Amino acid sequence: QVQLVESGGGLVQAGGSLRLSCAASGRTFSRYAMSWYRQAPGKERELVATVLSGGVRWYADSVKGRFTVFRDNDKNTVYLQMNSLNSEDTAVYYCNRVRDGRPVLSWGQGTQVTVSS
């Protein structure tokens, strides 16, 4: 079973930046689309960004222009560069492999992002 390990979260002031990382085990990482999700307290998990195997990217409207998703297939890692953070970005962030737009692996532990205003 592929394991996902997210890291890079923390406490940041509004307007600041963070870069999240998600390392995946296994040897087929490059074949699959990878997505970042987030779950804020009391809310459902939501899709934030996706990068396809060929590099095409998609973003939720709420993060478009502020977040950038990219991948390093040699390192089996997907990243989420987050700029101009605001309090609404506070959440636990998770990554997952996606197929037909749905997550297919067991969720990792996530990484907490807290933005102070």
PDB file of N, CA and C in Angstrom:
ATOM      1  N   GLN A   1       0.850  -1.189   0.000  1.00  0.00           N
ATOM      2  CA  GLN A   1       0.000   0.000   0.000  1.00  0.00           C
ATOM      3  C   GLN A   1       0.898   1.255   0.000  1.00  0.00           C
ATOM      4  N   VAL A   2       0.564   2.194  -0.867  1.00  0.00           N
ATOM      5  CA  VAL A   2       1.312   3.443  -0.922  1.00  0.00           C
ATOM      6  C   VAL A   2       1.033   4.244   0.340  1.00  0.00           C
ATOM      7  N   GLN A   3       2.087   4.788   0.903  1.00  0.00           N
ATOM      8  CA  GLN A   3       1.951   5.635   2.091  1.00  0.00           C
ATOM      9  C   GLN A   3       2.227   7.083   1.701  1.00  0.00           C
ATOM     10  N   LEU A   4       1.477   7.993   2.318  1.00  0.00           N
ATOM     11  CA  LEU A   4       1.608   9.422   2.064  1.00  0.00           C
ATOM     12  C   LEU A   4       2.028  10.111   3.353  1.00  0.00           C
ATOM     13  N   VAL A   5       3.043  10.969   3.265  1.00  0.00           N
ATOM     14  CA  VAL A   5       3.514  11.685   4.443  1.00  0.00           C
ATOM     15  C   VAL A   5       3.582  13.171   4.108  1.00  0.00           C
ATOM     16  N   GLU A   6       2.699  13.935   4.741  1.00  0.00           N
ATOM     17  CA  GLU A   6       2.661  15.378   4.523  1.00  0.00           C
ATOM     18  C   GLU A   6       3.520  16.086   5.566  1.00  0.00           C
ATOM     19  N   SER A   7       4.114  17.203   5.164  1.00  0.00           N
ATOM     20  CA  SER A   7       4.913  18.001   6.085  1.00  0.00           C
ATOM     21  C   SER A   7       4.975  19.441   5.605  1.00  0.00           C
ATOM     22  N   GLY A   8       5.502  20.305   6.473  1.00  0.00           N
ATOM     23  CA  GLY A   8       5.707  21.686   6.084  1.00  0.00           C
ATOM     24  C   GLY A   8       4.729  22.679   6.667  1.00  0.00           C
ATOM     25  N   GLY A   9       3.719  22.192   7.361  1.00  0.00           N
ATOM     26  CA  GLY A   9       2.757  23.106   7.951  1.00  0.00           C
ATOM     27  C   GLY A   9       3.346  23.866   9.124  1.00  0.00           C
ATOM     28  N   GLY A  10       2.550  24.790   9.655  1.00  0.00           N
ATOM     29  CA  GLY A  10       2.999  25.576  10.792  1.00  0.00           C
ATOM     30  C   GLY A  10       2.113  26.759  11.026  1.00  0.00           C
ATOM     31  N   LEU A  11       2.583  27.649  11.883  1.00  0.00           N
ATOM     32  CA  LEU A  11       1.876  28.882  12.214  1.00  0.00           C
ATOM     33  C   LEU A  11       2.525  30.025  11.443  1.00  0.00           C
ATOM     34  N   VAL A  12       1.701  30.779  10.744  1.00  0.00           N
ATOM     35  CA  VAL A  12       2.216  31.880   9.924  1.00  0.00           C
ATOM     36  C   VAL A  12       1.260  33.056  10.038  1.00  0.00           C
ATOM     37  N   GLN A  13       1.799  34.253   9.915  1.00  0.00           N
ATOM     38  CA  GLN A  13       0.949  35.438   9.944  1.00  0.00           C
ATOM     39  C   GLN A  13       0.254  35.635   8.611  1.00  0.00           C
ATOM     40  N   ALA A  14      -0.868  36.285   8.650  1.00  0.00           N
ATOM     41  CA  ALA A  14      -1.586  36.601   7.419  1.00  0.00           C
ATOM     42  C   ALA A  14      -0.663  37.338   6.462  1.00  0.00           C
ATOM     43  N   GLY A  15      -0.732  36.936   5.198  1.00  0.00           N
ATOM     44  CA  GLY A  15       0.139  37.511   4.188  1.00  0.00           C
ATOM     45  C   GLY A  15       1.418  36.728   3.976  1.00  0.00           C
ATOM     46  N   GLY A  16       1.684  35.777   4.858  1.00  0.00           N
ATOM     47  CA  GLY A  16       2.899  34.993   4.772  1.00  0.00           C
ATOM     48  C   GLY A  16       2.788  33.823   3.813  1.00  0.00           C
ATOM     49  N   SER A  17       3.844  33.013   3.799  1.00  0.00           N
ATOM     50  CA  SER A  17       3.933  31.894   2.864  1.00  0.00           C
ATOM     51  C   SER A  17       4.381  30.629   3.583  1.00  0.00           C
ATOM     52  N   LEU A  18       3.970  29.510   3.022  1.00  0.00           N
ATOM     53  CA  LEU A  18       4.437  28.196   3.457  1.00  0.00           C
ATOM     54  C   LEU A  18       4.541  27.297   2.238  1.00  0.00           C
ATOM     55  N   ARG A  19       5.418  26.313   2.325  1.00  0.00           N
ATOM     56  CA  ARG A  19       5.499  25.292   1.294  1.00  0.00           C
ATOM     57  C   ARG A  19       5.268  23.942   1.947  1.00  0.00           C
ATOM     58  N   LEU A  20       4.241  23.263   1.487  1.00  0.00           N
ATOM     59  CA  LEU A  20       3.933  21.924   1.977  1.00  0.00           C
ATOM     60  C   LEU A  20       4.548  20.880   1.053  1.00  0.00           C
ATOM     61  N   SER A  21       4.899  19.745   1.650  1.00  0.00           N
ATOM     62  CA  SER A  21       5.438  18.623   0.884  1.00  0.00           C
ATOM     63  C   SER A  21       4.631  17.374   1.188  1.00  0.00           C
ATOM     64  N   CYS A  22       4.539  16.513   0.207  1.00  0.00           N
ATOM     65  CA  CYS A  22       3.880  15.226   0.381  1.00  0.00           C
ATOM     66  C   CYS A  22       4.746  14.174  -0.302  1.00  0.00           C
ATOM     67  N   ALA A  23       5.322  13.311   0.505  1.00  0.00           N
ATOM     68  CA  ALA A  23       6.163  12.244  -0.023  1.00  0.00           C
ATOM     69  C   ALA A  23       5.351  10.959  -0.101  1.00  0.00           C
ATOM     70  N   ALA A  24       5.437  10.305  -1.251  1.00  0.00           N
ATOM     71  CA  ALA A  24       4.697   9.058  -1.474  1.00  0.00           C
ATOM     72  C   ALA A  24       5.667   7.904  -1.640  1.00  0.00           C
ATOM     73  N   SER A  25       5.326   6.783  -1.048  1.00  0.00           N
ATOM     74  CA  SER A  25       6.138   5.583  -1.251  1.00  0.00           C
ATOM     75  C   SER A  25       5.730   4.929  -2.561  1.00  0.00           C
ATOM     76  N   GLY A  26       6.480   3.934  -2.992  1.00  0.00           N
ATOM     77  CA  GLY A  26       6.141   3.218  -4.202  1.00  0.00           C
ATOM     78  C   GLY A  26       6.908   3.696  -5.418  1.00  0.00           C
ATOM     79  N   ARG A  27       6.758   2.953  -6.500  1.00  0.00           N
ATOM     80  CA  ARG A  27       7.563   3.229  -7.693  1.00  0.00           C
ATOM     81  C   ARG A  27       6.739   3.730  -8.878  1.00  0.00           C
ATOM     82  N   THR A  28       5.465   3.998  -8.658  1.00  0.00           N
ATOM     83  CA  THR A  28       4.622   4.413  -9.780  1.00  0.00           C
ATOM     84  C   THR A  28       4.091   5.827  -9.614  1.00  0.00           C
ATOM     85  N   PHE A  29       4.741   6.604  -8.776  1.00  0.00           N
ATOM     86  CA  PHE A  29       4.264   7.955  -8.455  1.00  0.00           C
ATOM     87  C   PHE A  29       4.010   8.779  -9.711  1.00  0.00           C
ATOM     88  N   SER A  30       4.921   8.729 -10.658  1.00  0.00           N
ATOM     89  CA  SER A  30       4.846   9.618 -11.821  1.00  0.00           C
ATOM     90  C   SER A  30       3.634   9.343 -12.707  1.00  0.00           C
ATOM     91  N   ARG A  31       3.017   8.202 -12.578  1.00  0.00           N
ATOM     92  CA  ARG A  31       1.913   7.836 -13.463  1.00  0.00           C
ATOM     93  C   ARG A  31       0.586   8.491 -13.083  1.00  0.00           C
ATOM     94  N   TYR A  32       0.513   9.005 -11.862  1.00  0.00           N
ATOM     95  CA  TYR A  32      -0.792   9.385 -11.335  1.00  0.00           C
ATOM     96  C   TYR A  32      -0.928  10.878 -11.051  1.00  0.00           C
ATOM     97  N   ALA A  33      -2.170  11.342 -11.152  1.00  0.00           N
ATOM     98  CA  ALA A  33      -2.488  12.684 -10.693  1.00  0.00           C
ATOM     99  C   ALA A  33      -2.439  12.718  -9.172  1.00  0.00           C
ATOM    100  N   MET A  34      -2.001  13.841  -8.655  1.00  0.00           N
ATOM    101  CA  MET A  34      -1.923  14.038  -7.205  1.00  0.00           C
ATOM    102  C   MET A  34      -2.662  15.319  -6.848  1.00  0.00           C
ATOM    103  N   SER A  35      -3.342  15.276  -5.721  1.00  0.00           N
ATOM    104  CA  SER A  35      -4.117  16.438  -5.287  1.00  0.00           C
ATOM    105  C   SER A  35      -3.803  16.804  -3.844  1.00  0.00           C
ATOM    106  N   TRP A  36      -4.019  18.068  -3.563  1.00  0.00           N
ATOM    107  CA  TRP A  36      -4.006  18.560  -2.193  1.00  0.00           C
ATOM    108  C   TRP A  36      -5.443  18.867  -1.777  1.00  0.00           C
ATOM    109  N   TYR A  37      -5.771  18.475  -0.556  1.00  0.00           N
ATOM    110  CA  TYR A  37      -7.059  18.753   0.044  1.00  0.00           C
ATOM    111  C   TYR A  37      -6.813  19.481   1.377  1.00  0.00           C
ATOM    112  N   ARG A  38      -7.870  20.071   1.903  1.00  0.00           N
ATOM    113  CA  ARG A  38      -7.770  20.649   3.234  1.00  0.00           C
ATOM    114  C   ARG A  38      -9.102  20.490   3.963  1.00  0.00           C
ATOM    115  N   GLN A  39      -8.987  20.450   5.284  1.00  0.00           N
ATOM    116  CA  GLN A  39     -10.181  20.348   6.114  1.00  0.00           C
ATOM    117  C   GLN A  39     -10.053  21.324   7.273  1.00  0.00           C
ATOM    118  N   ALA A  40     -10.938  22.303   7.260  1.00  0.00           N
ATOM    119  CA  ALA A  40     -10.980  23.290   8.335  1.00  0.00           C
ATOM    120  C   ALA A  40     -11.886  22.771   9.453  1.00  0.00           C
ATOM    121  N   PRO A  41     -11.715  23.266  10.672  1.00  0.00           N
ATOM    122  CA  PRO A  41     -12.552  22.812  11.787  1.00  0.00           C
ATOM    123  C   PRO A  41     -14.028  22.968  11.486  1.00  0.00           C
ATOM    124  N   GLY A  42     -14.769  21.895  11.679  1.00  0.00           N
ATOM    125  CA  GLY A  42     -16.210  21.926  11.484  1.00  0.00           C
ATOM    126  C   GLY A  42     -16.661  21.909  10.036  1.00  0.00           C
ATOM    127  N   LYS A  43     -15.719  21.730   9.110  1.00  0.00           N
ATOM    128  CA  LYS A  43     -16.075  21.731   7.686  1.00  0.00           C
ATOM    129  C   LYS A  43     -15.656  20.417   7.032  1.00  0.00           C
ATOM    130  N   GLU A  44     -16.229  20.165   5.877  1.00  0.00           N
ATOM    131  CA  GLU A  44     -15.852  18.971   5.126  1.00  0.00           C
ATOM    132  C   GLU A  44     -14.512  19.190   4.420  1.00  0.00           C
ATOM    133  N   ARG A  45     -13.870  18.086   4.129  1.00  0.00           N
ATOM    134  CA  ARG A  45     -12.619  18.157   3.376  1.00  0.00           C
ATOM    135  C   ARG A  45     -12.909  18.676   1.968  1.00  0.00           C
ATOM    136  N   GLU A  46     -12.064  19.569   1.486  1.00  0.00           N
ATOM    137  CA  GLU A  46     -12.267  20.147   0.161  1.00  0.00           C
ATOM    138  C   GLU A  46     -10.999  20.036  -0.673  1.00  0.00           C
ATOM    139  N   LEU A  47     -11.217  19.945  -1.968  1.00  0.00           N
ATOM    140  CA  LEU A  47     -10.119  19.875  -2.916  1.00  0.00           C
ATOM    141  C   LEU A  47      -9.532  21.262  -3.127  1.00  0.00           C
ATOM    142  N   VAL A  48      -8.210  21.340  -3.072  1.00  0.00           N
ATOM    143  CA  VAL A  48      -7.520  22.624  -3.201  1.00  0.00           C
ATOM    144  C   VAL A  48      -6.815  22.735  -4.554  1.00  0.00           C
ATOM    145  N   ALA A  49      -6.057  21.701  -4.924  1.00  0.00           N
ATOM    146  CA  ALA A  49      -5.270  21.772  -6.153  1.00  0.00           C
ATOM    147  C   ALA A  49      -4.930  20.368  -6.621  1.00  0.00           C
ATOM    148  N   THR A  50      -4.757  20.247  -7.930  1.00  0.00           N
ATOM    149  CA  THR A  50      -4.406  18.968  -8.542  1.00  0.00           C
ATOM    150  C   THR A  50      -3.331  19.183  -9.587  1.00  0.00           C
ATOM    151  N   VAL A  51      -2.386  18.256  -9.637  1.00  0.00           N
ATOM    152  CA  VAL A  51      -1.410  18.255 -10.726  1.00  0.00           C
ATOM    153  C   VAL A  51      -1.461  16.885 -11.386  1.00  0.00           C
ATOM    154  N   LEU A  52      -1.683  16.891 -12.687  1.00  0.00           N
ATOM    155  CA  LEU A  52      -1.767  15.643 -13.430  1.00  0.00           C
ATOM    156  C   LEU A  52      -0.375  15.073 -13.684  1.00  0.00           C
ATOM    157  N   SER A  53      -0.340  13.849 -14.144  1.00  0.00           N
ATOM    158  CA  SER A  53       0.951  13.212 -14.391  1.00  0.00           C
ATOM    159  C   SER A  53       1.766  13.993 -15.419  1.00  0.00           C
ATOM    160  N   GLY A  54       1.091  14.621 -16.351  1.00  0.00           N
ATOM    161  CA  GLY A  54       1.790  15.386 -17.379  1.00  0.00           C
ATOM    162  C   GLY A  54       2.093  16.820 -16.981  1.00  0.00           C
ATOM    163  N   GLY A  55       1.662  17.204 -15.758  1.00  0.00           N
ATOM    164  CA  GLY A  55       1.989  18.528 -15.260  1.00  0.00           C
ATOM    165  C   GLY A  55       0.877  19.551 -15.322  1.00  0.00           C
ATOM    166  N   VAL A  56      -0.234  19.240 -15.981  1.00  0.00           N
ATOM    167  CA  VAL A  56      -1.362  20.167 -16.014  1.00  0.00           C
ATOM    168  C   VAL A  56      -1.897  20.352 -14.594  1.00  0.00           C
ATOM    169  N   ARG A  57      -2.269  21.588 -14.272  1.00  0.00           N
ATOM    170  CA  ARG A  57      -2.673  21.925 -12.911  1.00  0.00           C
ATOM    171  C   ARG A  57      -4.085  22.477 -12.880  1.00  0.00           C
ATOM    172  N   TRP A  58      -4.747  22.249 -11.763  1.00  0.00           N
ATOM    173  CA  TRP A  58      -6.083  22.789 -11.504  1.00  0.00           C
ATOM    174  C   TRP A  58      -6.094  23.339 -10.083  1.00  0.00           C
ATOM    175  N   TYR A  59      -6.845  24.450  -9.886  1.00  0.00           N
ATOM    176  CA  TYR A  59      -6.940  25.065  -8.568  1.00  0.00           C
ATOM    177  C   TYR A  59      -8.376  25.408  -8.223  1.00  0.00           C
ATOM    178  N   ALA A  60      -8.697  25.310  -6.947  1.00  0.00           N
ATOM    179  CA  ALA A  60      -9.966  25.846  -6.479  1.00  0.00           C
ATOM    180  C   ALA A  60      -9.943  27.359  -6.605  1.00  0.00           C
ATOM    181  N   ASP A  61     -11.097  27.952  -6.854  1.00  0.00           N
ATOM    182  CA  ASP A  61     -11.176  29.402  -7.027  1.00  0.00           C
ATOM    183  C   ASP A  61     -10.617  30.134  -5.808  1.00  0.00           C
ATOM    184  N   SER A  62     -10.797  29.569  -4.633  1.00  0.00           N
ATOM    185  CA  SER A  62     -10.390  30.247  -3.406  1.00  0.00           C
ATOM    186  C   SER A  62      -8.877  30.394  -3.266  1.00  0.00           C
ATOM    187  N   VAL A  63      -8.111  29.608  -4.007  1.00  0.00           N
ATOM    188  CA  VAL A  63      -6.657  29.665  -3.874  1.00  0.00           C
ATOM    189  C   VAL A  63      -5.972  30.064  -5.173  1.00  0.00           C
ATOM    190  N   LYS A  64      -6.724  30.203  -6.240  1.00  0.00           N
ATOM    191  CA  LYS A  64      -6.148  30.511  -7.552  1.00  0.00           C
ATOM    192  C   LYS A  64      -5.384  31.828  -7.485  1.00  0.00           C
ATOM    193  N   GLY A  65      -4.170  31.812  -8.014  1.00  0.00           N
ATOM    194  CA  GLY A  65      -3.348  33.011  -7.998  1.00  0.00           C
ATOM    195  C   GLY A  65      -2.488  33.141  -6.754  1.00  0.00           C
ATOM    196  N   ARG A  66      -2.773  32.329  -5.729  1.00  0.00           N
ATOM    197  CA  ARG A  66      -1.989  32.389  -4.482  1.00  0.00           C
ATOM    198  C   ARG A  66      -1.216  31.096  -4.231  1.00  0.00           C
ATOM    199  N   PHE A  67      -1.783  29.986  -4.635  1.00  0.00           N
ATOM    200  CA  PHE A  67      -1.151  28.675  -4.405  1.00  0.00           C
ATOM    201  C   PHE A  67      -0.622  28.123  -5.722  1.00  0.00           C
ATOM    202  N   THR A  68       0.455  27.359  -5.622  1.00  0.00           N
ATOM    203  CA  THR A  68       1.019  26.673  -6.779  1.00  0.00           C
ATOM    204  C   THR A  68       1.312  25.224  -6.394  1.00  0.00           C
ATOM    205  N   VAL A  69       0.800  24.301  -7.184  1.00  0.00           N
ATOM    206  CA  VAL A  69       1.072  22.884  -6.964  1.00  0.00           C
ATOM    207  C   VAL A  69       2.086  22.423  -8.008  1.00  0.00           C
ATOM    208  N   PHE A  70       3.066  21.651  -7.571  1.00  0.00           N
ATOM    209  CA  PHE A  70       4.035  21.110  -8.506  1.00  0.00           C
ATOM    210  C   PHE A  70       4.591  19.817  -7.934  1.00  0.00           C
ATOM    211  N   ARG A  71       5.238  19.061  -8.811  1.00  0.00           N
ATOM    212  CA  ARG A  71       5.699  17.738  -8.400  1.00  0.00           C
ATOM    213  C   ARG A  71       7.129  17.503  -8.853  1.00  0.00           C
ATOM    214  N   ASP A  72       7.809  16.645  -8.110  1.00  0.00           N
ATOM    215  CA  ASP A  72       9.148  16.190  -8.469  1.00  0.00           C
ATOM    216  C   ASP A  72       9.060  14.663  -8.521  1.00  0.00           C
ATOM    217  N   ASN A  73       8.944  14.124  -9.694  1.00  0.00           N
ATOM    218  CA  ASN A  73       8.757  12.681  -9.833  1.00  0.00           C
ATOM    219  C   ASN A  73       9.998  11.901  -9.408  1.00  0.00           C
ATOM    220  N   ASP A  74      11.155  12.503  -9.527  1.00  0.00           N
ATOM    221  CA  ASP A  74      12.376  11.815  -9.092  1.00  0.00           C
ATOM    222  C   ASP A  74      12.391  11.614  -7.580  1.00  0.00           C
ATOM    223  N   LYS A  75      11.698  12.492  -6.862  1.00  0.00           N
ATOM    224  CA  LYS A  75      11.641  12.404  -5.411  1.00  0.00           C
ATOM    225  C   LYS A  75      10.315  11.851  -4.901  1.00  0.00           C
ATOM    226  N   ASN A  76       9.439  11.460  -5.806  1.00  0.00           N
ATOM    227  CA  ASN A  76       8.109  10.974  -5.402  1.00  0.00           C
ATOM    228  C   ASN A  76       7.419  11.955  -4.465  1.00  0.00           C
ATOM    229  N   THR A  77       7.500  13.220  -4.796  1.00  0.00           N
ATOM    230  CA  THR A  77       6.983  14.258  -3.900  1.00  0.00           C
ATOM    231  C   THR A  77       6.156  15.273  -4.678  1.00  0.00           C
ATOM    232  N   VAL A  78       5.054  15.673  -4.067  1.00  0.00           N
ATOM    233  CA  VAL A  78       4.247  16.763  -4.595  1.00  0.00           C
ATOM    234  C   VAL A  78       4.270  17.894  -3.563  1.00  0.00           C
ATOM    235  N   TYR A  79       4.296  19.113  -4.061  1.00  0.00           N
ATOM    236  CA  TYR A  79       4.425  20.285  -3.216  1.00  0.00           C
ATOM    237  C   TYR A  79       3.217  21.214  -3.391  1.00  0.00           C
ATOM    238  N   LEU A  80       3.005  22.032  -2.374  1.00  0.00           N
ATOM    239  CA  LEU A  80       2.009  23.093  -2.473  1.00  0.00           C
ATOM    240  C   LEU A  80       2.641  24.363  -1.915  1.00  0.00           C
ATOM    241  N   GLN A  81       2.961  25.274  -2.812  1.00  0.00           N
ATOM    242  CA  GLN A  81       3.483  26.569  -2.411  1.00  0.00           C
ATOM    243  C   GLN A  81       2.306  27.487  -2.147  1.00  0.00           C
ATOM    244  N   MET A  82       2.232  28.008  -0.936  1.00  0.00           N
ATOM    245  CA  MET A  82       1.093  28.836  -0.539  1.00  0.00           C
ATOM    246  C   MET A  82       1.580  30.233  -0.196  1.00  0.00           C
ATOM    247  N   ASN A  83       1.100  31.214  -0.924  1.00  0.00           N
ATOM    248  CA  ASN A  83       1.466  32.614  -0.704  1.00  0.00           C
ATOM    249  C   ASN A  83       0.223  33.416  -0.320  1.00  0.00           C
ATOM    250  N   SER A  84       0.454  34.590   0.223  1.00  0.00           N
ATOM    251  CA  SER A  84      -0.642  35.496   0.603  1.00  0.00           C
ATOM    252  C   SER A  84      -1.694  34.780   1.435  1.00  0.00           C
ATOM    253  N   LEU A  85      -1.230  34.072   2.412  1.00  0.00           N
ATOM    254  CA  LEU A  85      -2.141  33.278   3.244  1.00  0.00           C
ATOM    255  C   LEU A  85      -3.057  34.178   4.061  1.00  0.00           C
ATOM    256  N   ASN A  86      -4.277  33.699   4.273  1.00  0.00           N
ATOM    257  CA  ASN A  86      -5.227  34.414   5.121  1.00  0.00           C
ATOM    258  C   ASN A  86      -5.871  33.418   6.085  1.00  0.00           C
ATOM    259  N   SER A  87      -6.664  33.927   6.988  1.00  0.00           N
ATOM    260  CA  SER A  87      -7.218  33.093   8.048  1.00  0.00           C
ATOM    261  C   SER A  87      -8.099  31.969   7.503  1.00  0.00           C
ATOM    262  N   GLU A  88      -8.688  32.176   6.345  1.00  0.00           N
ATOM    263  CA  GLU A  88      -9.544  31.143   5.758  1.00  0.00           C
ATOM    264  C   GLU A  88      -8.748  29.957   5.227  1.00  0.00           C
ATOM    265  N   ASP A  89      -7.444  30.095   5.163  1.00  0.00           N
ATOM    266  CA  ASP A  89      -6.595  28.977   4.744  1.00  0.00           C
ATOM    267  C   ASP A  89      -6.229  28.062   5.903  1.00  0.00           C
ATOM    268  N   THR A  90      -6.600  28.442   7.112  1.00  0.00           N
ATOM    269  CA  THR A  90      -6.320  27.606   8.274  1.00  0.00           C
ATOM    270  C   THR A  90      -7.061  26.284   8.150  1.00  0.00           C
ATOM    271  N   ALA A  91      -6.304  25.189   8.200  1.00  0.00           N
ATOM    272  CA  ALA A  91      -6.875  23.862   8.010  1.00  0.00           C
ATOM    273  C   ALA A  91      -5.772  22.821   8.163  1.00  0.00           C
ATOM    274  N   VAL A  92      -6.193  21.574   8.197  1.00  0.00           N
ATOM    275  CA  VAL A  92      -5.245  20.473   8.041  1.00  0.00           C
ATOM    276  C   VAL A  92      -5.197  20.140   6.552  1.00  0.00           C
ATOM    277  N   TYR A  93      -4.012  20.068   6.017  1.00  0.00           N
ATOM    278  CA  TYR A  93      -3.825  19.837   4.580  1.00  0.00           C
ATOM    279  C   TYR A  93      -3.357  18.389   4.362  1.00  0.00           C
ATOM    280  N   TYR A  94      -3.975  17.766   3.361  1.00  0.00           N
ATOM    281  CA  TYR A  94      -3.694  16.378   3.015  1.00  0.00           C
ATOM    282  C   TYR A  94      -3.404  16.277   1.519  1.00  0.00           C
ATOM    283  N   CYS A  95      -2.645  15.271   1.155  1.00  0.00           N
ATOM    284  CA  CYS A  95      -2.475  14.972  -0.266  1.00  0.00           C
ATOM    285  C   CYS A  95      -3.033  13.569  -0.528  1.00  0.00           C
ATOM    286  N   ASN A  96      -3.292  13.305  -1.789  1.00  0.00           N
ATOM    287  CA  ASN A  96      -3.748  11.969  -2.172  1.00  0.00           C
ATOM    288  C   ASN A  96      -3.565  11.781  -3.660  1.00  0.00           C
ATOM    289  N   ARG A  97      -3.440  10.552  -4.039  1.00  0.00           N
ATOM    290  CA  ARG A  97      -3.497  10.187  -5.449  1.00  0.00           C
ATOM    291  C   ARG A  97      -4.964  10.255  -5.863  1.00  0.00           C
ATOM    292  N   VAL A  98      -5.234  10.732  -7.075  1.00  0.00           N
ATOM    293  CA  VAL A  98      -6.614  10.813  -7.531  1.00  0.00           C
ATOM    294  C   VAL A  98      -6.780  10.066  -8.850  1.00  0.00           C
ATOM    295  N   ARG A  99      -7.960   9.507  -8.991  1.00  0.00           N
ATOM    296  CA  ARG A  99      -8.362   8.838 -10.221  1.00  0.00           C
ATOM    297  C   ARG A  99      -9.807   9.189 -10.476  1.00  0.00           C
ATOM    298  N   ASP A 100     -10.093   9.633 -11.677  1.00  0.00           N
ATOM    299  CA  ASP A 100     -11.452  10.093 -12.008  1.00  0.00           C
ATOM    300  C   ASP A 100     -11.929  11.136 -10.996  1.00  0.00           C
ATOM    301  N   GLY A 101     -11.012  11.946 -10.542  1.00  0.00           N
ATOM    302  CA  GLY A 101     -11.369  13.038  -9.657  1.00  0.00           C
ATOM    303  C   GLY A 101     -11.595  12.660  -8.215  1.00  0.00           C
ATOM    304  N   ARG A 102     -11.297  11.425  -7.844  1.00  0.00           N
ATOM    305  CA  ARG A 102     -11.545  10.981  -6.467  1.00  0.00           C
ATOM    306  C   ARG A 102     -10.256  10.470  -5.839  1.00  0.00           C
ATOM    307  N   PRO A 103     -10.083  10.714  -4.545  1.00  0.00           N
ATOM    308  CA  PRO A 103      -8.913  10.179  -3.847  1.00  0.00           C
ATOM    309  C   PRO A 103      -9.004   8.666  -3.737  1.00  0.00           C
ATOM    310  N   VAL A 104      -7.880   7.990  -3.888  1.00  0.00           N
ATOM    311  CA  VAL A 104      -7.899   6.531  -3.945  1.00  0.00           C
ATOM    312  C   VAL A 104      -7.062   5.843  -2.879  1.00  0.00           C
ATOM    313  N   LEU A 105      -6.254   6.596  -2.156  1.00  0.00           N
ATOM    314  CA  LEU A 105      -5.394   6.002  -1.142  1.00  0.00           C
ATOM    315  C   LEU A 105      -5.899   6.341   0.251  1.00  0.00           C
ATOM    316  N   SER A 106      -5.392   5.589   1.224  1.00  0.00           N
ATOM    317  CA  SER A 106      -5.685   5.931   2.611  1.00  0.00           C
ATOM    318  C   SER A 106      -5.056   7.286   2.927  1.00  0.00           C
ATOM    319  N   TRP A 107      -5.758   8.073   3.731  1.00  0.00           N
ATOM    320  CA  TRP A 107      -5.262   9.402   4.057  1.00  0.00           C
ATOM    321  C   TRP A 107      -4.065   9.318   5.005  1.00  0.00           C
ATOM    322  N   GLY A 108      -3.117  10.230   4.807  1.00  0.00           N
ATOM    323  CA  GLY A 108      -2.024  10.363   5.745  1.00  0.00           C
ATOM    324  C   GLY A 108      -2.460  11.153   6.965  1.00  0.00           C
ATOM    325  N   GLN A 109      -1.483  11.572   7.746  1.00  0.00           N
ATOM    326  CA  GLN A 109      -1.814  12.297   8.981  1.00  0.00           C
ATOM    327  C   GLN A 109      -2.116  13.772   8.723  1.00  0.00           C
ATOM    328  N   GLY A 110      -1.762  14.243   7.555  1.00  0.00           N
ATOM    329  CA  GLY A 110      -1.979  15.645   7.240  1.00  0.00           C
ATOM    330  C   GLY A 110      -0.961  16.546   7.923  1.00  0.00           C
ATOM    331  N   THR A 111      -0.997  17.811   7.555  1.00  0.00           N
ATOM    332  CA  THR A 111      -0.123  18.801   8.180  1.00  0.00           C
ATOM    333  C   THR A 111      -0.947  20.048   8.478  1.00  0.00           C
ATOM    334  N   GLN A 112      -0.837  20.538   9.693  1.00  0.00           N
ATOM    335  CA  GLN A 112      -1.663  21.657  10.147  1.00  0.00           C
ATOM    336  C   GLN A 112      -1.081  22.982   9.679  1.00  0.00           C
ATOM    337  N   VAL A 113      -1.941  23.788   9.079  1.00  0.00           N
ATOM    338  CA  VAL A 113      -1.582  25.157   8.707  1.00  0.00           C
ATOM    339  C   VAL A 113      -2.488  26.095   9.499  1.00  0.00           C
ATOM    340  N   THR A 114      -1.882  26.992  10.236  1.00  0.00           N
ATOM    341  CA  THR A 114      -2.635  27.970  11.014  1.00  0.00           C
ATOM    342  C   THR A 114      -2.169  29.364  10.630  1.00  0.00           C
ATOM    343  N   VAL A 115      -3.108  30.176  10.184  1.00  0.00           N
ATOM    344  CA  VAL A 115      -2.798  31.549   9.775  1.00  0.00           C
ATOM    345  C   VAL A 115      -3.386  32.499  10.806  1.00  0.00           C
ATOM    346  N   SER A 116      -2.532  33.287  11.405  1.00  0.00           N
ATOM    347  CA  SER A 116      -2.986  34.240  12.416  1.00  0.00           C
ATOM    348  C   SER A 116      -3.197  35.601  11.761  1.00  0.00           C
ATOM    349  N   SER A 117      -4.276  36.254  12.177  1.00  0.00           N
ATOM    350  CA  SER A 117      -4.587  37.561  11.582  1.00  0.00           C
ATOM    351  C   SER A 117      -4.065  38.699  12.437  1.00  0.00           C
TER     352      SER A 117
END
